[in-house]
Amino acid sequence: MKLWCTSIKFYTYFAALIALITPITPLYWRSVLNRAINKKIESVIDLGGGTGTSVMIIKAYLRREIFAVNCEICLKDLKESKRRKSHNLYILCDVRKLPIKKKSFDVALISQTLEHLTKKEGIVLLKEIEGNCKRYIVAAVPNKCAPYDSPDPENLYQGHISEWSSQDLQKLGYEVIECGAPWIQGKPLSYYTTIKTKLPRPFLILLGFLTGEVYEIFVSFLSPLLKSKRSNLIAVKTIREEK
């Protein structure tokens, strides 16, 4: 069974929508991520890029093509990313062992990847990737989200292993913005709907989208009024200042 939410057109329209609402959703984590990307960039290495959603949204926000490489360990996700044509090059690899030359890209994007590594591995990756990018690093990571097992039996890498805070990233020289909808008992709403519900995979994808992205967008409008802890951290570290 297939749903429209699994089609390429769906993600293309979704990327265009997020690009459109970026200026009016100051605390939606994808909007903050968009604004952290300098419009003058020409290339990006996407570490743990998954199915390619983040880069599709960034390209829609920039309103032009950039050369993007997806370094992903899950073959299923990498194939889906290639099906969507989200990147220009697709590399099946472990981000802890990158087959990339030094200073090859303008930007290193690490979106929702660090939490899938141990804290030590994440810190090593952040330090090593400084040698792979020319201008700056942008990382998106859950804010103090308690570790949990993968909700996807077809991708065991989706489990959260480490917990990150603003202080962890600031100690490494990053500027950090806290954003996103509040957690529910220390975890995102989509965690409960996708793990606790036994439905066919296409419906789980739809349910995860509704309780993940749609919930985040809706609550982001209310976030300035809420004092709860933000769900995500967007961290930026400049490697070379703009001239």
C-alpha atoms as a PDB file:
ATOM      1  CA  MET A   1       0.000   0.000   0.000  1.00  0.00           C
ATOM      2  CA  LYS A   2       1.314   3.428  -0.947  1.00  0.00           C
ATOM      3  CA  LEU A   3       0.300   6.829   0.311  1.00  0.00           C
ATOM      4  CA  TRP A   4       0.879  10.195  -1.331  1.00  0.00           C
ATOM      5  CA  CYS A   5       3.109  11.124   1.620  1.00  0.00           C
ATOM      6  CA  THR A   6       5.688   8.643   0.279  1.00  0.00           C
ATOM      7  CA  SER A   7       5.798  10.175  -3.204  1.00  0.00           C
ATOM      8  CA  ILE A   8       8.560  12.400  -4.576  1.00  0.00           C
ATOM      9  CA  LYS A   9       6.059  15.171  -5.341  1.00  0.00           C
ATOM     10  CA  PHE A  10       4.983  15.235  -1.706  1.00  0.00           C
ATOM     11  CA  TYR A  11       8.503  15.954  -0.457  1.00  0.00           C
ATOM     12  CA  THR A  12       9.091  18.486  -3.229  1.00  0.00           C
ATOM     13  CA  TYR A  13       5.963  20.391  -2.204  1.00  0.00           C
ATOM     14  CA  PHE A  14       6.833  20.008   1.474  1.00  0.00           C
ATOM     15  CA  ALA A  15      10.299  21.490   0.865  1.00  0.00           C
ATOM     16  CA  ALA A  16       8.740  24.420  -0.999  1.00  0.00           C
ATOM     17  CA  LEU A  17       6.245  24.974   1.845  1.00  0.00           C
ATOM     18  CA  ILE A  18       8.954  25.070   4.520  1.00  0.00           C
ATOM     19  CA  ALA A  19      10.989  27.500   2.414  1.00  0.00           C
ATOM     20  CA  LEU A  20       7.888  29.697   2.143  1.00  0.00           C
ATOM     21  CA  ILE A  21       7.079  29.747   5.868  1.00  0.00           C
ATOM     22  CA  THR A  22      10.694  30.098   7.039  1.00  0.00           C
ATOM     23  CA  PRO A  23      10.426  33.896   7.566  1.00  0.00           C
ATOM     24  CA  ILE A  24       7.256  33.562   9.702  1.00  0.00           C
ATOM     25  CA  THR A  25       8.249  30.563  11.826  1.00  0.00           C
ATOM     26  CA  PRO A  26      11.228  31.879  13.791  1.00  0.00           C
ATOM     27  CA  LEU A  27      11.365  28.916  16.180  1.00  0.00           C
ATOM     28  CA  TYR A  28      10.541  25.968  13.878  1.00  0.00           C
ATOM     29  CA  TRP A  29      13.817  24.037  13.800  1.00  0.00           C
ATOM     30  CA  ARG A  30      13.902  23.586  10.034  1.00  0.00           C
ATOM     31  CA  SER A  31      13.355  27.327   9.553  1.00  0.00           C
ATOM     32  CA  VAL A  32      16.224  28.100  11.926  1.00  0.00           C
ATOM     33  CA  LEU A  33      18.375  25.594  10.035  1.00  0.00           C
ATOM     34  CA  ASN A  34      17.516  27.298   6.740  1.00  0.00           C
ATOM     35  CA  ARG A  35      18.503  30.712   8.057  1.00  0.00           C
ATOM     36  CA  ALA A  36      21.801  29.306   9.320  1.00  0.00           C
ATOM     37  CA  ILE A  37      22.770  28.401   5.750  1.00  0.00           C
ATOM     38  CA  ASN A  38      24.513  31.256   3.950  1.00  0.00           C
ATOM     39  CA  LYS A  39      22.910  31.908   0.563  1.00  0.00           C
ATOM     40  CA  LYS A  40      26.310  32.234  -1.112  1.00  0.00           C
ATOM     41  CA  ILE A  41      27.330  28.599  -0.602  1.00  0.00           C
ATOM     42  CA  GLU A  42      27.984  26.342  -3.574  1.00  0.00           C
ATOM     43  CA  SER A  43      28.535  22.943  -1.951  1.00  0.00           C
ATOM     44  CA  VAL A  44      27.525  20.971   1.137  1.00  0.00           C
ATOM     45  CA  ILE A  45      28.452  17.621   2.598  1.00  0.00           C
ATOM     46  CA  ASP A  46      25.443  16.138   4.397  1.00  0.00           C
ATOM     47  CA  LEU A  47      26.602  13.779   7.138  1.00  0.00           C
ATOM     48  CA  GLY A  48      23.956  11.185   7.920  1.00  0.00           C
ATOM     49  CA  GLY A  49      21.649  12.840   5.381  1.00  0.00           C
ATOM     50  CA  GLY A  50      19.093  10.034   5.575  1.00  0.00           C
ATOM     51  CA  THR A  51      16.364  10.286   2.961  1.00  0.00           C
ATOM     52  CA  GLY A  52      17.455  13.779   1.919  1.00  0.00           C
ATOM     53  CA  THR A  53      14.670  15.928   3.366  1.00  0.00           C
ATOM     54  CA  SER A  54      16.910  18.579   4.951  1.00  0.00           C
ATOM     55  CA  VAL A  55      18.885  19.277   1.765  1.00  0.00           C
ATOM     56  CA  MET A  56      15.708  19.362  -0.337  1.00  0.00           C
ATOM     57  CA  ILE A  57      14.350  22.049   2.002  1.00  0.00           C
ATOM     58  CA  ILE A  58      17.607  24.014   1.954  1.00  0.00           C
ATOM     59  CA  LYS A  59      17.678  23.993  -1.868  1.00  0.00           C
ATOM     60  CA  ALA A  60      14.074  25.191  -1.953  1.00  0.00           C
ATOM     61  CA  TYR A  61      14.957  27.969   0.496  1.00  0.00           C
ATOM     62  CA  LEU A  62      17.991  29.040  -1.548  1.00  0.00           C
ATOM     63  CA  ARG A  63      15.888  28.806  -4.735  1.00  0.00           C
ATOM     64  CA  ARG A  64      18.767  27.292  -6.660  1.00  0.00           C
ATOM     65  CA  GLU A  65      20.849  24.163  -6.959  1.00  0.00           C
ATOM     66  CA  ILE A  66      23.938  23.515  -4.858  1.00  0.00           C
ATOM     67  CA  PHE A  67      26.304  20.577  -5.108  1.00  0.00           C
ATOM     68  CA  ALA A  68      25.336  18.232  -2.288  1.00  0.00           C
ATOM     69  CA  VAL A  69      26.725  14.883  -1.172  1.00  0.00           C
ATOM     70  CA  ASN A  70      24.802  12.521   1.084  1.00  0.00           C
ATOM     71  CA  CYS A  71      26.999  10.367   3.346  1.00  0.00           C
ATOM     72  CA  GLU A  72      24.602   7.827   4.856  1.00  0.00           C
ATOM     73  CA  ILE A  73      25.100   4.449   6.525  1.00  0.00           C
ATOM     74  CA  CYS A  74      21.581   3.082   5.960  1.00  0.00           C
ATOM     75  CA  LEU A  75      21.252   1.689   2.426  1.00  0.00           C
ATOM     76  CA  LYS A  76      17.438   1.909   2.488  1.00  0.00           C
ATOM     77  CA  ASP A  77      17.524   5.621   3.351  1.00  0.00           C
ATOM     78  CA  LEU A  78      20.265   6.306   0.819  1.00  0.00           C
ATOM     79  CA  LYS A  79      18.221   4.636  -1.927  1.00  0.00           C
ATOM     80  CA  GLU A  80      15.208   6.751  -0.965  1.00  0.00           C
ATOM     81  CA  SER A  81      17.367   9.885  -1.069  1.00  0.00           C
ATOM     82  CA  LYS A  82      18.545   8.920  -4.542  1.00  0.00           C
ATOM     83  CA  ARG A  83      14.950   8.244  -5.635  1.00  0.00           C
ATOM     84  CA  ARG A  84      14.036  11.783  -4.558  1.00  0.00           C
ATOM     85  CA  LYS A  85      17.147  13.195  -6.318  1.00  0.00           C
ATOM     86  CA  SER A  86      17.851  15.208  -3.181  1.00  0.00           C
ATOM     87  CA  HIS A  87      21.642  15.235  -3.652  1.00  0.00           C
ATOM     88  CA  ASN A  88      24.140  15.058  -6.497  1.00  0.00           C
ATOM     89  CA  LEU A  89      26.235  12.234  -5.078  1.00  0.00           C
ATOM     90  CA  TYR A  90      25.320   9.389  -2.719  1.00  0.00           C
ATOM     91  CA  ILE A  91      27.933   7.620  -0.600  1.00  0.00           C
ATOM     92  CA  LEU A  92      27.161   4.577   1.539  1.00  0.00           C
ATOM     93  CA  CYS A  93      29.515   5.040   4.461  1.00  0.00           C
ATOM     94  CA  ASP A  94      29.951   5.469   8.186  1.00  0.00           C
ATOM     95  CA  VAL A  95      30.356   9.164   9.043  1.00  0.00           C
ATOM     96  CA  ARG A  96      33.031   8.141  11.528  1.00  0.00           C
ATOM     97  CA  LYS A  97      35.164   7.042   8.538  1.00  0.00           C
ATOM     98  CA  LEU A  98      34.540   9.634   5.837  1.00  0.00           C
ATOM     99  CA  PRO A  99      36.118   9.017   2.406  1.00  0.00           C
ATOM    100  CA  ILE A 100      36.324  12.767   1.730  1.00  0.00           C
ATOM    101  CA  LYS A 101      39.297  14.964   0.854  1.00  0.00           C
ATOM    102  CA  LYS A 102      40.214  17.894   3.092  1.00  0.00           C
ATOM    103  CA  LYS A 103      38.494  21.254   2.494  1.00  0.00           C
ATOM    104  CA  SER A 104      36.209  19.801  -0.180  1.00  0.00           C
ATOM    105  CA  PHE A 105      32.955  21.604   0.709  1.00  0.00           C
ATOM    106  CA  ASP A 106      31.756  25.051   1.706  1.00  0.00           C
ATOM    107  CA  VAL A 107      29.514  23.695   4.448  1.00  0.00           C
ATOM    108  CA  ALA A 108      29.306  20.546   6.540  1.00  0.00           C
ATOM    109  CA  LEU A 109      25.703  19.780   7.517  1.00  0.00           C
ATOM    110  CA  ILE A 110      25.140  17.426  10.454  1.00  0.00           C
ATOM    111  CA  SER A 111      21.353  17.361  10.835  1.00  0.00           C
ATOM    112  CA  GLN A 112      19.876  14.951  13.398  1.00  0.00           C
ATOM    113  CA  THR A 113      22.969  12.742  13.310  1.00  0.00           C
ATOM    114  CA  LEU A 114      25.043  13.380  16.436  1.00  0.00           C
ATOM    115  CA  GLU A 115      22.476  11.765  18.728  1.00  0.00           C
ATOM    116  CA  HIS A 116      22.940   8.460  16.866  1.00  0.00           C
ATOM    117  CA  LEU A 117      26.600   8.360  17.921  1.00  0.00           C
ATOM    118  CA  THR A 118      28.168   8.112  21.346  1.00  0.00           C
ATOM    119  CA  LYS A 119      29.086  11.477  22.831  1.00  0.00           C
ATOM    120  CA  LYS A 120      32.802  10.726  22.331  1.00  0.00           C
ATOM    121  CA  GLU A 121      32.250   9.757  18.672  1.00  0.00           C
ATOM    122  CA  GLY A 122      30.169  12.887  18.096  1.00  0.00           C
ATOM    123  CA  ILE A 123      32.852  15.171  19.500  1.00  0.00           C
ATOM    124  CA  VAL A 124      35.529  13.467  17.390  1.00  0.00           C
ATOM    125  CA  LEU A 125      33.347  13.866  14.276  1.00  0.00           C
ATOM    126  CA  LEU A 126      32.762  17.567  14.930  1.00  0.00           C
ATOM    127  CA  LYS A 127      36.486  18.158  15.322  1.00  0.00           C
ATOM    128  CA  GLU A 128      37.473  16.108  12.275  1.00  0.00           C
ATOM    129  CA  ILE A 129      34.874  17.653   9.973  1.00  0.00           C
ATOM    130  CA  GLU A 130      36.487  21.064  10.461  1.00  0.00           C
ATOM    131  CA  GLY A 131      39.155  19.819   8.090  1.00  0.00           C
ATOM    132  CA  ASN A 132      36.603  18.849   5.434  1.00  0.00           C
ATOM    133  CA  CYS A 133      34.774  22.154   5.053  1.00  0.00           C
ATOM    134  CA  LYS A 134      36.001  25.560   3.954  1.00  0.00           C
ATOM    135  CA  ARG A 135      33.541  27.958   5.577  1.00  0.00           C
ATOM    136  CA  TYR A 136      31.368  26.653   8.405  1.00  0.00           C
ATOM    137  CA  ILE A 137      29.635  23.717  10.091  1.00  0.00           C
ATOM    138  CA  VAL A 138      25.910  23.602  10.819  1.00  0.00           C
ATOM    139  CA  ALA A 139      24.588  20.987  13.227  1.00  0.00           C
ATOM    140  CA  ALA A 140      21.014  20.205  14.291  1.00  0.00           C
ATOM    141  CA  VAL A 141      20.549  17.935  17.291  1.00  0.00           C
ATOM    142  CA  PRO A 142      17.756  17.174  19.795  1.00  0.00           C
ATOM    143  CA  ASN A 143      17.998  19.223  22.980  1.00  0.00           C
ATOM    144  CA  LYS A 144      18.636  16.935  25.966  1.00  0.00           C
ATOM    145  CA  CYS A 145      16.533  14.128  24.493  1.00  0.00           C
ATOM    146  CA  ALA A 146      16.869  10.927  26.517  1.00  0.00           C
ATOM    147  CA  PRO A 147      18.335   7.995  24.509  1.00  0.00           C
ATOM    148  CA  TYR A 148      15.923   5.429  23.076  1.00  0.00           C
ATOM    149  CA  ASP A 149      15.906   2.437  20.731  1.00  0.00           C
ATOM    150  CA  SER A 150      15.184   2.788  17.026  1.00  0.00           C
ATOM    151  CA  PRO A 151      11.457   3.085  16.188  1.00  0.00           C
ATOM    152  CA  ASP A 152      12.187   1.673  12.720  1.00  0.00           C
ATOM    153  CA  PRO A 153      12.965  -2.085  12.629  1.00  0.00           C
ATOM    154  CA  GLU A 154      14.327  -1.617   9.093  1.00  0.00           C
ATOM    155  CA  ASN A 155      16.840   0.996  10.260  1.00  0.00           C
ATOM    156  CA  LEU A 156      18.372   0.207  13.632  1.00  0.00           C
ATOM    157  CA  TYR A 157      20.644   3.239  13.292  1.00  0.00           C
ATOM    158  CA  GLN A 158      17.654   5.473  14.142  1.00  0.00           C
ATOM    159  CA  GLY A 159      18.074   4.844  17.862  1.00  0.00           C
ATOM    160  CA  HIS A 160      19.279   7.767  20.001  1.00  0.00           C
ATOM    161  CA  ILE A 161      22.499   6.902  21.824  1.00  0.00           C
ATOM    162  CA  SER A 162      23.715  10.218  23.240  1.00  0.00           C
ATOM    163  CA  GLU A 163      22.162  13.305  24.813  1.00  0.00           C
ATOM    164  CA  TRP A 164      23.321  16.815  23.841  1.00  0.00           C
ATOM    165  CA  SER A 165      22.912  20.233  25.448  1.00  0.00           C
ATOM    166  CA  SER A 166      23.695  23.812  24.430  1.00  0.00           C
ATOM    167  CA  GLN A 167      26.664  23.763  26.798  1.00  0.00           C
ATOM    168  CA  ASP A 168      28.161  20.683  25.095  1.00  0.00           C
ATOM    169  CA  LEU A 169      28.270  22.477  21.748  1.00  0.00           C
ATOM    170  CA  GLN A 170      29.291  25.863  23.120  1.00  0.00           C
ATOM    171  CA  LYS A 171      32.345  24.245  24.712  1.00  0.00           C
ATOM    172  CA  LEU A 172      33.353  23.147  21.198  1.00  0.00           C
ATOM    173  CA  GLY A 173      33.147  26.721  19.903  1.00  0.00           C
ATOM    174  CA  TYR A 174      29.632  26.702  18.431  1.00  0.00           C
ATOM    175  CA  GLU A 175      27.001  29.419  18.528  1.00  0.00           C
ATOM    176  CA  VAL A 176      23.760  27.703  19.575  1.00  0.00           C
ATOM    177  CA  ILE A 177      20.080  28.534  19.104  1.00  0.00           C
ATOM    178  CA  GLU A 178      17.432  26.622  21.057  1.00  0.00           C
ATOM    179  CA  CYS A 179      14.288  26.126  18.980  1.00  0.00           C
ATOM    180  CA  GLY A 180      11.396  23.799  18.182  1.00  0.00           C
ATOM    181  CA  ALA A 181       8.316  22.512  19.971  1.00  0.00           C
ATOM    182  CA  PRO A 182       8.537  21.348  23.597  1.00  0.00           C
ATOM    183  CA  TRP A 183       9.274  17.684  24.343  1.00  0.00           C
ATOM    184  CA  ILE A 184       6.594  15.444  25.825  1.00  0.00           C
ATOM    185  CA  GLN A 185       8.138  13.646  28.807  1.00  0.00           C
ATOM    186  CA  GLY A 186      11.601  14.038  27.331  1.00  0.00           C
ATOM    187  CA  LYS A 187      10.804  12.748  23.837  1.00  0.00           C
ATOM    188  CA  PRO A 188       9.204  14.040  20.617  1.00  0.00           C
ATOM    189  CA  LEU A 189       5.500  13.401  20.067  1.00  0.00           C
ATOM    190  CA  SER A 190       6.299  11.273  16.992  1.00  0.00           C
ATOM    191  CA  TYR A 191       8.232   8.862  19.254  1.00  0.00           C
ATOM    192  CA  TYR A 192       5.030   7.775  20.941  1.00  0.00           C
ATOM    193  CA  THR A 193       2.925   7.513  17.787  1.00  0.00           C
ATOM    194  CA  THR A 194       5.439   5.504  15.756  1.00  0.00           C
ATOM    195  CA  ILE A 195       6.659   3.154  18.481  1.00  0.00           C
ATOM    196  CA  LYS A 196       3.451   2.529  20.390  1.00  0.00           C
ATOM    197  CA  THR A 197       1.261   2.091  17.307  1.00  0.00           C
ATOM    198  CA  LYS A 198       1.218  -1.097  15.232  1.00  0.00           C
ATOM    199  CA  LEU A 199       0.155   0.001  11.761  1.00  0.00           C
ATOM    200  CA  PRO A 200       1.359  -0.750   8.196  1.00  0.00           C
ATOM    201  CA  ARG A 201       4.563   1.126   7.385  1.00  0.00           C
ATOM    202  CA  PRO A 202       2.980   3.684   4.974  1.00  0.00           C
ATOM    203  CA  PHE A 203       0.545   4.757   7.697  1.00  0.00           C
ATOM    204  CA  LEU A 204       3.375   4.982  10.225  1.00  0.00           C
ATOM    205  CA  ILE A 205       5.200   7.323   7.824  1.00  0.00           C
ATOM    206  CA  LEU A 206       2.090   9.504   7.577  1.00  0.00           C
ATOM    207  CA  LEU A 207       1.498   9.414  11.336  1.00  0.00           C
ATOM    208  CA  GLY A 208       5.147  10.229  12.019  1.00  0.00           C
ATOM    209  CA  PHE A 209       4.932  13.175   9.638  1.00  0.00           C
ATOM    210  CA  LEU A 210       1.752  14.544  11.215  1.00  0.00           C
ATOM    211  CA  THR A 211       3.001  14.203  14.782  1.00  0.00           C
ATOM    212  CA  GLY A 212       6.523  15.269  13.855  1.00  0.00           C
ATOM    213  CA  GLU A 213       6.686  17.998  11.231  1.00  0.00           C
ATOM    214  CA  VAL A 214       3.071  19.251  11.394  1.00  0.00           C
ATOM    215  CA  TYR A 215       3.125  19.327  15.199  1.00  0.00           C
ATOM    216  CA  GLU A 216       6.463  21.171  15.163  1.00  0.00           C
ATOM    217  CA  ILE A 217       5.232  23.766  12.654  1.00  0.00           C
ATOM    218  CA  PHE A 218       1.965  24.389  14.503  1.00  0.00           C
ATOM    219  CA  VAL A 219       3.548  24.664  17.936  1.00  0.00           C
ATOM    220  CA  SER A 220       6.345  26.884  16.620  1.00  0.00           C
ATOM    221  CA  PHE A 221       3.768  29.661  16.204  1.00  0.00           C
ATOM    222  CA  LEU A 222       2.961  29.318  19.915  1.00  0.00           C
ATOM    223  CA  SER A 223       6.532  28.723  21.078  1.00  0.00           C
ATOM    224  CA  PRO A 224       7.239  32.362  22.043  1.00  0.00           C
ATOM    225  CA  LEU A 225       4.403  32.019  24.584  1.00  0.00           C
ATOM    226  CA  LEU A 226       5.633  28.708  25.986  1.00  0.00           C
ATOM    227  CA  LYS A 227       8.317  28.461  28.640  1.00  0.00           C
ATOM    228  CA  SER A 228       8.965  24.745  28.120  1.00  0.00           C
ATOM    229  CA  LYS A 229      12.358  23.481  26.987  1.00  0.00           C
ATOM    230  CA  ARG A 230      12.894  23.715  23.231  1.00  0.00           C
ATOM    231  CA  SER A 231      13.192  20.422  21.377  1.00  0.00           C
ATOM    232  CA  ASN A 232      16.158  21.176  19.101  1.00  0.00           C
ATOM    233  CA  LEU A 233      19.528  22.881  18.987  1.00  0.00           C
ATOM    234  CA  ILE A 234      20.925  24.530  15.855  1.00  0.00           C
ATOM    235  CA  ALA A 235      24.663  25.053  16.223  1.00  0.00           C
ATOM    236  CA  VAL A 236      26.986  26.937  13.869  1.00  0.00           C
ATOM    237  CA  LYS A 237      30.773  27.136  13.870  1.00  0.00           C
ATOM    238  CA  THR A 238      32.631  29.400  11.458  1.00  0.00           C
ATOM    239  CA  ILE A 239      35.794  27.965   9.937  1.00  0.00           C
ATOM    240  CA  ARG A 240      36.557  30.939   7.701  1.00  0.00           C
ATOM    241  CA  GLU A 241      34.989  34.378   7.948  1.00  0.00           C
ATOM    242  CA  GLU A 242      33.219  35.844   4.911  1.00  0.00           C
ATOM    243  CA  LYS A 243      35.228  38.444   2.980  1.00  0.00           C
END
